[in-house]
Amino acid sequence: MRQEVEIEFKNLLTAAEFDAVRSAFRLDDGAFRRQENHYFDTPSFALKEQAAALRIRVKEGRFTLTLKQTQADGSLLETHEPLAPSEAEALLAGAAPRGAVALLLKEMDVDPRAVRCFGSLVTDRAEWPYEGGMLCLDHNRYLESEDYELEYETDNAKAGEERFLRLLRTLGIPRRPAPNKIARFYARKYEMGERG
């Protein structure tokens, strides 16, 4: 198990802006790596109610279970637990999480046996160091839709926000704060359910 506090700034992009960022940083197709996120919650959305999220990320053949918990200052505490492929398959099939994440779920009054996979999101991501942090350019596909975002991960909220906003101005991209991927996923799922 590993824990870290994540400070990040996100901005939704149009397809044209995505291409402009690629061009500005000379990112070819080889700069992008694919990752899959499988999202979990209880049928009553107990995690969402607590501004928390649970996912399995599949990246470069590795499986990681991550619980994200929003902190009082708005940052995210992430608890990462590596999984064997068989453990990931069991969770996707409905088995309950075990280990450190299960203990944290119980502390949140969430029954680990109640969590279910609600769906998946595939991201093609390029990431590179930028002014003391890490820039990520994402093309996301989920639930018959796609979107694009630029993300800046940093260890200093104030300086990081200033750098990120300056970069957006330099690129001529308007500020469009982005809900996190799981929030966009669930909004789309709800929208599809309303239509169906």
C-alpha atoms as a PDB file:
ATOM      1  CA  MET A   1       0.000   0.000   0.000  1.00  0.00           C
ATOM      2  CA  ARG A   2       1.153   3.524  -0.801  1.00  0.00           C
ATOM      3  CA  GLN A   3      -0.505   6.856   0.028  1.00  0.00           C
ATOM      4  CA  GLU A   4       0.010  10.279  -1.506  1.00  0.00           C
ATOM      5  CA  VAL A   5      -1.681  13.659  -1.551  1.00  0.00           C
ATOM      6  CA  GLU A   6      -2.514  14.745  -5.087  1.00  0.00           C
ATOM      7  CA  ILE A   7      -2.670  18.406  -6.099  1.00  0.00           C
ATOM      8  CA  GLU A   8      -3.765  18.810  -9.690  1.00  0.00           C
ATOM      9  CA  PHE A   9      -5.370  21.323 -12.005  1.00  0.00           C
ATOM     10  CA  LYS A  10      -7.484  20.208 -14.958  1.00  0.00           C
ATOM     11  CA  ASN A  11      -8.885  21.929 -18.002  1.00  0.00           C
ATOM     12  CA  LEU A  12     -11.233  20.472 -20.593  1.00  0.00           C
ATOM     13  CA  LEU A  13     -10.085  20.975 -24.186  1.00  0.00           C
ATOM     14  CA  THR A  14     -11.731  20.954 -27.566  1.00  0.00           C
ATOM     15  CA  ALA A  15     -10.331  18.535 -30.162  1.00  0.00           C
ATOM     16  CA  ALA A  16      -8.629  21.497 -31.888  1.00  0.00           C
ATOM     17  CA  GLU A  17      -7.040  22.625 -28.592  1.00  0.00           C
ATOM     18  CA  PHE A  18      -5.866  19.067 -27.936  1.00  0.00           C
ATOM     19  CA  ASP A  19      -4.128  19.111 -31.334  1.00  0.00           C
ATOM     20  CA  ALA A  20      -2.658  22.557 -30.584  1.00  0.00           C
ATOM     21  CA  VAL A  21      -1.132  21.322 -27.287  1.00  0.00           C
ATOM     22  CA  ARG A  22       0.266  18.274 -29.100  1.00  0.00           C
ATOM     23  CA  SER A  23       1.840  20.556 -31.665  1.00  0.00           C
ATOM     24  CA  ALA A  24       3.187  23.079 -29.097  1.00  0.00           C
ATOM     25  CA  PHE A  25       4.979  20.311 -27.181  1.00  0.00           C
ATOM     26  CA  ARG A  26       5.848  18.219 -30.286  1.00  0.00           C
ATOM     27  CA  LEU A  27       3.992  15.115 -29.080  1.00  0.00           C
ATOM     28  CA  ASP A  28       3.733  12.376 -31.699  1.00  0.00           C
ATOM     29  CA  ASP A  29       1.582   9.244 -31.421  1.00  0.00           C
ATOM     30  CA  GLY A  30       4.463   7.435 -29.673  1.00  0.00           C
ATOM     31  CA  ALA A  31       4.243   9.873 -26.731  1.00  0.00           C
ATOM     32  CA  PHE A  32       0.850   8.459 -25.702  1.00  0.00           C
ATOM     33  CA  ARG A  33       0.288   5.415 -23.489  1.00  0.00           C
ATOM     34  CA  ARG A  34      -3.072   3.726 -22.980  1.00  0.00           C
ATOM     35  CA  GLN A  35      -4.582   3.176 -19.560  1.00  0.00           C
ATOM     36  CA  GLU A  36      -7.953   1.832 -18.484  1.00  0.00           C
ATOM     37  CA  ASN A  37      -9.902   2.920 -15.422  1.00  0.00           C
ATOM     38  CA  HIS A  38     -12.634   0.668 -14.033  1.00  0.00           C
ATOM     39  CA  TYR A  39     -14.889   2.594 -11.622  1.00  0.00           C
ATOM     40  CA  PHE A  40     -16.579   1.200  -8.517  1.00  0.00           C
ATOM     41  CA  ASP A  41     -19.227   2.382  -6.076  1.00  0.00           C
ATOM     42  CA  THR A  42     -22.133   0.898  -4.152  1.00  0.00           C
ATOM     43  CA  PRO A  43     -25.605   0.771  -5.744  1.00  0.00           C
ATOM     44  CA  SER A  44     -26.554   3.739  -3.492  1.00  0.00           C
ATOM     45  CA  PHE A  45     -23.371   5.654  -4.493  1.00  0.00           C
ATOM     46  CA  ALA A  46     -22.006   5.732  -0.941  1.00  0.00           C
ATOM     47  CA  LEU A  47     -18.531   6.719  -2.172  1.00  0.00           C
ATOM     48  CA  LYS A  48     -19.787   9.518  -4.411  1.00  0.00           C
ATOM     49  CA  GLU A  49     -21.833  10.850  -1.457  1.00  0.00           C
ATOM     50  CA  GLN A  50     -18.565  11.224   0.486  1.00  0.00           C
ATOM     51  CA  ALA A  51     -16.687  12.831  -2.472  1.00  0.00           C
ATOM     52  CA  ALA A  52     -14.603   9.674  -2.745  1.00  0.00           C
ATOM     53  CA  ALA A  53     -13.830   7.418  -5.686  1.00  0.00           C
ATOM     54  CA  LEU A  54     -12.612   3.860  -6.158  1.00  0.00           C
ATOM     55  CA  ARG A  55     -11.010   2.523  -9.324  1.00  0.00           C
ATOM     56  CA  ILE A  56      -8.772  -0.133 -10.770  1.00  0.00           C
ATOM     57  CA  ARG A  57      -6.249   1.330 -13.209  1.00  0.00           C
ATOM     58  CA  VAL A  58      -4.673  -0.958 -15.793  1.00  0.00           C
ATOM     59  CA  LYS A  59      -1.459   0.558 -17.129  1.00  0.00           C
ATOM     60  CA  GLU A  60       1.433  -1.173 -18.884  1.00  0.00           C
ATOM     61  CA  GLY A  61       0.221  -4.577 -17.708  1.00  0.00           C
ATOM     62  CA  ARG A  62      -0.020  -3.518 -14.037  1.00  0.00           C
ATOM     63  CA  PHE A  63      -3.231  -3.364 -11.995  1.00  0.00           C
ATOM     64  CA  THR A  64      -3.654  -0.841  -9.168  1.00  0.00           C
ATOM     65  CA  LEU A  65      -6.656  -0.379  -6.896  1.00  0.00           C
ATOM     66  CA  THR A  66      -6.918   3.280  -5.824  1.00  0.00           C
ATOM     67  CA  LEU A  67      -9.216   4.924  -3.296  1.00  0.00           C
ATOM     68  CA  LYS A  68      -9.374   8.731  -3.637  1.00  0.00           C
ATOM     69  CA  GLN A  69     -10.659  10.675  -0.641  1.00  0.00           C
ATOM     70  CA  THR A  70     -11.240  14.437  -0.783  1.00  0.00           C
ATOM     71  CA  GLN A  71      -9.504  16.279   2.061  1.00  0.00           C
ATOM     72  CA  ALA A  72     -10.698  19.423   3.870  1.00  0.00           C
ATOM     73  CA  ASP A  73      -8.294  21.607   1.830  1.00  0.00           C
ATOM     74  CA  GLY A  74      -9.632  20.230  -1.469  1.00  0.00           C
ATOM     75  CA  SER A  75      -6.628  18.000  -2.162  1.00  0.00           C
ATOM     76  CA  LEU A  76      -7.025  14.273  -2.701  1.00  0.00           C
ATOM     77  CA  LEU A  77      -5.573  11.550  -0.512  1.00  0.00           C
ATOM     78  CA  GLU A  78      -4.901   8.572  -2.759  1.00  0.00           C
ATOM     79  CA  THR A  79      -4.377   5.091  -1.367  1.00  0.00           C
ATOM     80  CA  HIS A  80      -2.856   2.729  -3.937  1.00  0.00           C
ATOM     81  CA  GLU A  81      -2.817  -1.042  -3.629  1.00  0.00           C
ATOM     82  CA  PRO A  82      -1.165  -3.195  -6.324  1.00  0.00           C
ATOM     83  CA  LEU A  83      -3.263  -6.138  -7.519  1.00  0.00           C
ATOM     84  CA  ALA A  84      -2.432  -9.406  -9.206  1.00  0.00           C
ATOM     85  CA  PRO A  85      -4.343  -9.859 -12.491  1.00  0.00           C
ATOM     86  CA  SER A  86      -6.481 -12.556 -10.837  1.00  0.00           C
ATOM     87  CA  GLU A  87      -7.394 -10.173  -7.980  1.00  0.00           C
ATOM     88  CA  ALA A  88      -8.407  -7.471 -10.459  1.00  0.00           C
ATOM     89  CA  GLU A  89     -10.533  -9.961 -12.409  1.00  0.00           C
ATOM     90  CA  ALA A  90     -12.239 -11.070  -9.187  1.00  0.00           C
ATOM     91  CA  LEU A  91     -13.089  -7.467  -8.234  1.00  0.00           C
ATOM     92  CA  LEU A  92     -14.435  -6.755 -11.712  1.00  0.00           C
ATOM     93  CA  ALA A  93     -16.603  -9.875 -11.380  1.00  0.00           C
ATOM     94  CA  GLY A  94     -18.066  -8.679  -8.059  1.00  0.00           C
ATOM     95  CA  ALA A  95     -15.667  -9.856  -5.330  1.00  0.00           C
ATOM     96  CA  ALA A  96     -15.124  -7.506  -2.378  1.00  0.00           C
ATOM     97  CA  PRO A  97     -11.886  -5.549  -2.024  1.00  0.00           C
ATOM     98  CA  ARG A  98      -9.551  -6.763   0.698  1.00  0.00           C
ATOM     99  CA  GLY A  99      -6.537  -5.288   2.408  1.00  0.00           C
ATOM    100  CA  ALA A 100      -5.856  -1.617   3.203  1.00  0.00           C
ATOM    101  CA  VAL A 101      -8.524  -0.252   0.850  1.00  0.00           C
ATOM    102  CA  ALA A 102     -11.177  -2.482   2.427  1.00  0.00           C
ATOM    103  CA  LEU A 103     -10.206  -1.200   5.884  1.00  0.00           C
ATOM    104  CA  LEU A 104     -10.490   2.410   4.702  1.00  0.00           C
ATOM    105  CA  LEU A 105     -13.909   1.689   3.158  1.00  0.00           C
ATOM    106  CA  LYS A 106     -15.085   0.280   6.506  1.00  0.00           C
ATOM    107  CA  GLU A 107     -13.798   3.432   8.261  1.00  0.00           C
ATOM    108  CA  MET A 108     -16.018   5.391   5.838  1.00  0.00           C
ATOM    109  CA  ASP A 109     -18.989   3.134   6.782  1.00  0.00           C
ATOM    110  CA  VAL A 110     -18.975   1.611   3.293  1.00  0.00           C
ATOM    111  CA  ASP A 111     -19.382  -2.169   3.144  1.00  0.00           C
ATOM    112  CA  PRO A 112     -16.623  -3.491   0.813  1.00  0.00           C
ATOM    113  CA  ARG A 113     -18.956  -6.326  -0.213  1.00  0.00           C
ATOM    114  CA  ALA A 114     -21.400  -3.764  -1.626  1.00  0.00           C
ATOM    115  CA  VAL A 115     -19.045  -2.179  -4.182  1.00  0.00           C
ATOM    116  CA  ARG A 116     -19.650  -2.975  -7.845  1.00  0.00           C
ATOM    117  CA  CYS A 117     -17.977  -2.010 -11.106  1.00  0.00           C
ATOM    118  CA  PHE A 118     -20.096   0.564 -12.943  1.00  0.00           C
ATOM    119  CA  GLY A 119     -18.025   0.793 -16.104  1.00  0.00           C
ATOM    120  CA  SER A 120     -14.745   1.736 -17.711  1.00  0.00           C
ATOM    121  CA  LEU A 121     -12.958   4.693 -19.247  1.00  0.00           C
ATOM    122  CA  VAL A 122      -9.986   4.383 -21.621  1.00  0.00           C
ATOM    123  CA  THR A 123      -7.383   7.153 -21.735  1.00  0.00           C
ATOM    124  CA  ASP A 124      -4.561   7.740 -24.189  1.00  0.00           C
ATOM    125  CA  ARG A 125      -2.165   9.881 -22.124  1.00  0.00           C
ATOM    126  CA  ALA A 126       1.059  11.740 -22.798  1.00  0.00           C
ATOM    127  CA  GLU A 127       2.899  13.045 -19.748  1.00  0.00           C
ATOM    128  CA  TRP A 128       6.045  15.106 -19.382  1.00  0.00           C
ATOM    129  CA  PRO A 129       7.786  17.294 -16.790  1.00  0.00           C
ATOM    130  CA  TYR A 130       6.825  20.969 -16.823  1.00  0.00           C
ATOM    131  CA  GLU A 131       8.014  23.738 -14.470  1.00  0.00           C
ATOM    132  CA  GLY A 132       8.481  21.571 -11.390  1.00  0.00           C
ATOM    133  CA  GLY A 133       5.393  19.445 -11.972  1.00  0.00           C
ATOM    134  CA  MET A 134       3.968  17.026 -14.524  1.00  0.00           C
ATOM    135  CA  LEU A 135       1.723  17.871 -17.475  1.00  0.00           C
ATOM    136  CA  CYS A 136      -0.686  15.224 -18.770  1.00  0.00           C
ATOM    137  CA  LEU A 137      -2.563  15.450 -22.057  1.00  0.00           C
ATOM    138  CA  ASP A 138      -5.492  13.025 -22.171  1.00  0.00           C
ATOM    139  CA  HIS A 139      -7.878  11.743 -24.827  1.00  0.00           C
ATOM    140  CA  ASN A 140     -10.660   9.898 -22.959  1.00  0.00           C
ATOM    141  CA  ARG A 141     -13.274   7.497 -24.326  1.00  0.00           C
ATOM    142  CA  TYR A 142     -16.223   6.252 -22.294  1.00  0.00           C
ATOM    143  CA  LEU A 143     -19.914   5.404 -22.682  1.00  0.00           C
ATOM    144  CA  GLU A 144     -20.127   6.244 -26.399  1.00  0.00           C
ATOM    145  CA  SER A 145     -18.449   9.635 -25.871  1.00  0.00           C
ATOM    146  CA  GLU A 146     -14.995  11.181 -25.783  1.00  0.00           C
ATOM    147  CA  ASP A 147     -13.342  14.237 -24.313  1.00  0.00           C
ATOM    148  CA  TYR A 148      -9.934  15.856 -24.011  1.00  0.00           C
ATOM    149  CA  GLU A 149      -8.171  17.407 -21.045  1.00  0.00           C
ATOM    150  CA  LEU A 150      -4.936  18.967 -19.926  1.00  0.00           C
ATOM    151  CA  GLU A 151      -3.881  18.192 -16.358  1.00  0.00           C
ATOM    152  CA  TYR A 152      -1.056  19.648 -14.266  1.00  0.00           C
ATOM    153  CA  GLU A 153       0.135  17.716 -11.208  1.00  0.00           C
ATOM    154  CA  THR A 154       2.203  19.682  -8.709  1.00  0.00           C
ATOM    155  CA  ASP A 155       3.263  19.686  -5.076  1.00  0.00           C
ATOM    156  CA  ASN A 156       2.450  23.385  -4.508  1.00  0.00           C
ATOM    157  CA  ALA A 157      -1.156  24.451  -4.973  1.00  0.00           C
ATOM    158  CA  LYS A 158      -0.606  28.227  -5.248  1.00  0.00           C
ATOM    159  CA  ALA A 159       2.459  28.194  -7.506  1.00  0.00           C
ATOM    160  CA  GLY A 160       1.038  25.276  -9.510  1.00  0.00           C
ATOM    161  CA  GLU A 161      -2.203  27.096 -10.239  1.00  0.00           C
ATOM    162  CA  GLU A 162      -0.284  30.201 -11.346  1.00  0.00           C
ATOM    163  CA  ARG A 163       1.898  28.119 -13.706  1.00  0.00           C
ATOM    164  CA  PHE A 164      -1.103  26.272 -15.122  1.00  0.00           C
ATOM    165  CA  LEU A 165      -3.136  29.428 -15.764  1.00  0.00           C
ATOM    166  CA  ARG A 166      -0.102  31.096 -17.399  1.00  0.00           C
ATOM    167  CA  LEU A 167       0.316  28.072 -19.689  1.00  0.00           C
ATOM    168  CA  LEU A 168      -3.360  28.203 -20.715  1.00  0.00           C
ATOM    169  CA  ARG A 169      -3.042  31.929 -21.498  1.00  0.00           C
ATOM    170  CA  THR A 170       0.132  31.302 -23.528  1.00  0.00           C
ATOM    171  CA  LEU A 171      -1.666  28.605 -25.538  1.00  0.00           C
ATOM    172  CA  GLY A 172      -4.772  30.793 -25.961  1.00  0.00           C
ATOM    173  CA  ILE A 173      -6.992  28.212 -24.231  1.00  0.00           C
ATOM    174  CA  PRO A 174      -9.892  29.502 -22.087  1.00  0.00           C
ATOM    175  CA  ARG A 175     -10.155  28.253 -18.520  1.00  0.00           C
ATOM    176  CA  ARG A 176     -12.665  25.399 -18.337  1.00  0.00           C
ATOM    177  CA  PRO A 177     -12.305  23.661 -14.968  1.00  0.00           C
ATOM    178  CA  ALA A 178     -12.928  19.953 -15.440  1.00  0.00           C
ATOM    179  CA  PRO A 179     -14.688  17.662 -13.012  1.00  0.00           C
ATOM    180  CA  ASN A 180     -12.527  14.574 -12.474  1.00  0.00           C
ATOM    181  CA  LYS A 181     -12.869  11.621 -14.837  1.00  0.00           C
ATOM    182  CA  ILE A 182     -15.102   9.580 -12.545  1.00  0.00           C
ATOM    183  CA  ALA A 183     -17.501  12.537 -12.131  1.00  0.00           C
ATOM    184  CA  ARG A 184     -17.686  12.979 -15.919  1.00  0.00           C
ATOM    185  CA  PHE A 185     -18.177   9.222 -16.324  1.00  0.00           C
ATOM    186  CA  TYR A 186     -21.105   9.164 -13.866  1.00  0.00           C
ATOM    187  CA  ALA A 187     -22.655  12.330 -15.363  1.00  0.00           C
ATOM    188  CA  ARG A 188     -22.596  10.663 -18.783  1.00  0.00           C
ATOM    189  CA  LYS A 189     -23.990   7.407 -17.359  1.00  0.00           C
ATOM    190  CA  TYR A 190     -26.835   9.339 -15.730  1.00  0.00           C
ATOM    191  CA  GLU A 191     -27.494  11.253 -18.965  1.00  0.00           C
ATOM    192  CA  MET A 192     -27.669   7.985 -20.921  1.00  0.00           C
ATOM    193  CA  GLY A 193     -29.988   6.474 -18.316  1.00  0.00           C
ATOM    194  CA  GLU A 194     -32.312   9.472 -18.544  1.00  0.00           C
ATOM    195  CA  ARG A 195     -32.458   9.088 -22.332  1.00  0.00           C
ATOM    196  CA  GLY A 196     -33.005   5.330 -22.141  1.00  0.00           C
END
